[in-house]
């Protein structure tokens, strides 16, 4: 049974930083495409960063240069470093794996101005 468990969210002032973690279990993690999504109230869930199957990293323009995705295959964990946070980054952040698709429960990030 695949499980994805996010952690690391919280309340931070604009300009601050957070590090999100997603611990995976029940799957072969190494080489697996993994993505971070977010969903703000009243908006659709959007992909913001991901590792492709080949290990390439992709970022949405809204976070490029501020957020960094990384992974530790020994710990079956993917991370998202959030720097230079803005109030518009406030959202629930979700970890996702593909084929088959699984989602974590999400972790809330709130950025105050």
C-alpha atoms as a PDB file:
ATOM      1  CA  UNK A   1       0.000   0.000   0.000  1.00  0.00           C
ATOM      2  CA  UNK A   2       1.511   3.276  -1.149  1.00  0.00           C
ATOM      3  CA  UNK A   3       1.582   6.110   1.362  1.00  0.00           C
ATOM      4  CA  UNK A   4       2.842   9.648   0.932  1.00  0.00           C
ATOM      5  CA  UNK A   5       3.130  11.728   4.090  1.00  0.00           C
ATOM      6  CA  UNK A   6       3.899  15.433   3.862  1.00  0.00           C
ATOM      7  CA  UNK A   7       5.249  17.569   6.688  1.00  0.00           C
ATOM      8  CA  UNK A   8       6.951  20.896   7.259  1.00  0.00           C
ATOM      9  CA  UNK A   9       4.191  23.368   6.555  1.00  0.00           C
ATOM     10  CA  UNK A  10       3.390  26.285   8.822  1.00  0.00           C
ATOM     11  CA  UNK A  11       2.931  30.015   9.200  1.00  0.00           C
ATOM     12  CA  UNK A  12       5.771  32.226   8.017  1.00  0.00           C
ATOM     13  CA  UNK A  13       6.241  35.909   7.242  1.00  0.00           C
ATOM     14  CA  UNK A  14       6.755  37.116   3.697  1.00  0.00           C
ATOM     15  CA  UNK A  15      10.379  36.653   2.672  1.00  0.00           C
ATOM     16  CA  UNK A  16      10.798  33.663   4.943  1.00  0.00           C
ATOM     17  CA  UNK A  17      11.550  30.042   4.194  1.00  0.00           C
ATOM     18  CA  UNK A  18      10.122  26.591   4.821  1.00  0.00           C
ATOM     19  CA  UNK A  19      11.214  23.081   3.910  1.00  0.00           C
ATOM     20  CA  UNK A  20       8.529  20.575   3.056  1.00  0.00           C
ATOM     21  CA  UNK A  21       9.130  16.826   3.193  1.00  0.00           C
ATOM     22  CA  UNK A  22       7.243  13.943   1.632  1.00  0.00           C
ATOM     23  CA  UNK A  23       8.037  10.487   2.948  1.00  0.00           C
ATOM     24  CA  UNK A  24       7.015   7.648   0.645  1.00  0.00           C
ATOM     25  CA  UNK A  25       6.406   4.020   1.530  1.00  0.00           C
ATOM     26  CA  UNK A  26       5.052   0.946  -0.212  1.00  0.00           C
ATOM     27  CA  UNK A  27       6.651   1.764  -3.557  1.00  0.00           C
ATOM     28  CA  UNK A  28       9.939   1.673  -5.421  1.00  0.00           C
ATOM     29  CA  UNK A  29      11.053   5.262  -4.872  1.00  0.00           C
ATOM     30  CA  UNK A  30      14.359   5.555  -6.708  1.00  0.00           C
ATOM     31  CA  UNK A  31      13.844   6.770 -10.273  1.00  0.00           C
ATOM     32  CA  UNK A  32      10.158   7.398  -9.709  1.00  0.00           C
ATOM     33  CA  UNK A  33       8.661  10.629 -11.014  1.00  0.00           C
ATOM     34  CA  UNK A  34       7.531  12.752  -8.058  1.00  0.00           C
ATOM     35  CA  UNK A  35       5.726  16.068  -8.026  1.00  0.00           C
ATOM     36  CA  UNK A  36       4.738  18.856  -5.651  1.00  0.00           C
ATOM     37  CA  UNK A  37       1.382  20.534  -6.220  1.00  0.00           C
ATOM     38  CA  UNK A  38      -0.449  23.269  -4.382  1.00  0.00           C
ATOM     39  CA  UNK A  39      -4.039  24.363  -4.074  1.00  0.00           C
ATOM     40  CA  UNK A  40      -5.128  27.747  -2.824  1.00  0.00           C
ATOM     41  CA  UNK A  41      -8.718  28.324  -1.609  1.00  0.00           C
ATOM     42  CA  UNK A  42     -11.091  28.608  -4.555  1.00  0.00           C
ATOM     43  CA  UNK A  43      -8.413  27.638  -7.073  1.00  0.00           C
ATOM     44  CA  UNK A  44      -7.455  24.487  -8.938  1.00  0.00           C
ATOM     45  CA  UNK A  45      -4.602  22.303  -7.792  1.00  0.00           C
ATOM     46  CA  UNK A  46      -1.477  23.181  -9.781  1.00  0.00           C
ATOM     47  CA  UNK A  47       1.852  21.485 -10.395  1.00  0.00           C
ATOM     48  CA  UNK A  48       4.723  23.627  -9.147  1.00  0.00           C
ATOM     49  CA  UNK A  49       7.777  21.347  -9.172  1.00  0.00           C
ATOM     50  CA  UNK A  50       8.626  17.816 -10.147  1.00  0.00           C
ATOM     51  CA  UNK A  51      11.239  15.182 -10.857  1.00  0.00           C
ATOM     52  CA  UNK A  52      10.703  13.363 -14.139  1.00  0.00           C
ATOM     53  CA  UNK A  53      11.474   9.642 -14.507  1.00  0.00           C
ATOM     54  CA  UNK A  54      14.840  10.604 -15.966  1.00  0.00           C
ATOM     55  CA  UNK A  55      15.679  12.766 -12.969  1.00  0.00           C
ATOM     56  CA  UNK A  56      15.120  16.108 -14.643  1.00  0.00           C
ATOM     57  CA  UNK A  57      13.611  18.873 -12.496  1.00  0.00           C
ATOM     58  CA  UNK A  58      10.801  21.083 -13.758  1.00  0.00           C
ATOM     59  CA  UNK A  59       9.337  24.209 -12.164  1.00  0.00           C
ATOM     60  CA  UNK A  60       6.332  26.380 -12.732  1.00  0.00           C
ATOM     61  CA  UNK A  61       7.302  29.946 -13.622  1.00  0.00           C
ATOM     62  CA  UNK A  62       5.602  31.235 -10.467  1.00  0.00           C
ATOM     63  CA  UNK A  63       8.161  29.478  -8.233  1.00  0.00           C
ATOM     64  CA  UNK A  64      11.238  29.257 -10.452  1.00  0.00           C
ATOM     65  CA  UNK A  65      14.283  30.647  -8.658  1.00  0.00           C
ATOM     66  CA  UNK A  66      12.546  30.585  -5.259  1.00  0.00           C
ATOM     67  CA  UNK A  67      11.625  26.923  -4.716  1.00  0.00           C
ATOM     68  CA  UNK A  68      13.929  23.912  -5.022  1.00  0.00           C
ATOM     69  CA  UNK A  69      12.900  20.268  -5.296  1.00  0.00           C
ATOM     70  CA  UNK A  70      15.310  17.589  -4.112  1.00  0.00           C
ATOM     71  CA  UNK A  71      15.199  13.952  -3.079  1.00  0.00           C
ATOM     72  CA  UNK A  72      16.989  11.458  -0.886  1.00  0.00           C
ATOM     73  CA  UNK A  73      16.479   7.986  -2.329  1.00  0.00           C
ATOM     74  CA  UNK A  74      18.020   6.345   0.759  1.00  0.00           C
ATOM     75  CA  UNK A  75      15.253   7.905   2.859  1.00  0.00           C
ATOM     76  CA  UNK A  76      12.469   7.545   0.261  1.00  0.00           C
ATOM     77  CA  UNK A  77      11.828  11.257   0.697  1.00  0.00           C
ATOM     78  CA  UNK A  78      11.317  14.179  -1.642  1.00  0.00           C
ATOM     79  CA  UNK A  79      11.739  17.733  -0.397  1.00  0.00           C
ATOM     80  CA  UNK A  80      10.602  21.171  -1.455  1.00  0.00           C
ATOM     81  CA  UNK A  81      12.630  24.127  -0.203  1.00  0.00           C
ATOM     82  CA  UNK A  82      10.523  27.279  -0.242  1.00  0.00           C
ATOM     83  CA  UNK A  83      12.494  30.538  -0.112  1.00  0.00           C
ATOM     84  CA  UNK A  84      11.504  34.187  -0.561  1.00  0.00           C
ATOM     85  CA  UNK A  85       7.930  33.275   0.262  1.00  0.00           C
ATOM     86  CA  UNK A  86       5.115  35.576  -0.800  1.00  0.00           C
ATOM     87  CA  UNK A  87       1.533  35.833   0.501  1.00  0.00           C
ATOM     88  CA  UNK A  88       0.337  34.396  -2.815  1.00  0.00           C
ATOM     89  CA  UNK A  89       2.227  31.182  -2.002  1.00  0.00           C
ATOM     90  CA  UNK A  90      -0.365  30.474   0.695  1.00  0.00           C
ATOM     91  CA  UNK A  91      -1.919  27.106  -0.137  1.00  0.00           C
ATOM     92  CA  UNK A  92      -2.134  23.451   0.795  1.00  0.00           C
ATOM     93  CA  UNK A  93       0.891  21.655  -0.652  1.00  0.00           C
ATOM     94  CA  UNK A  94       0.608  18.072  -1.863  1.00  0.00           C
ATOM     95  CA  UNK A  95       3.080  15.387  -2.825  1.00  0.00           C
ATOM     96  CA  UNK A  96       2.193  13.188  -5.807  1.00  0.00           C
ATOM     97  CA  UNK A  97       3.505  10.155  -7.616  1.00  0.00           C
ATOM     98  CA  UNK A  98       2.513   8.977 -11.070  1.00  0.00           C
ATOM     99  CA  UNK A  99       1.405   5.784 -12.809  1.00  0.00           C
ATOM    100  CA  UNK A 100      -0.410   4.858 -10.688  1.00  0.00           C
ATOM    101  CA  UNK A 101      -1.357   8.169  -9.156  1.00  0.00           C
ATOM    102  CA  UNK A 102      -1.134   8.657  -5.408  1.00  0.00           C
ATOM    103  CA  UNK A 103      -1.522  11.794  -3.293  1.00  0.00           C
ATOM    104  CA  UNK A 104      -0.446  12.716   0.181  1.00  0.00           C
ATOM    105  CA  UNK A 105      -2.798  14.360   2.657  1.00  0.00           C
ATOM    106  CA  UNK A 106      -1.238  17.784   2.181  1.00  0.00           C
ATOM    107  CA  UNK A 107       0.497  20.294   4.416  1.00  0.00           C
ATOM    108  CA  UNK A 108      -0.656  23.896   4.827  1.00  0.00           C
ATOM    109  CA  UNK A 109       1.650  26.816   4.094  1.00  0.00           C
ATOM    110  CA  UNK A 110       0.467  30.257   5.155  1.00  0.00           C
ATOM    111  CA  UNK A 111       2.513  33.350   4.339  1.00  0.00           C
ATOM    112  CA  UNK A 112       1.638  36.563   6.139  1.00  0.00           C
ATOM    113  CA  UNK A 113       2.381  39.991   4.706  1.00  0.00           C
END
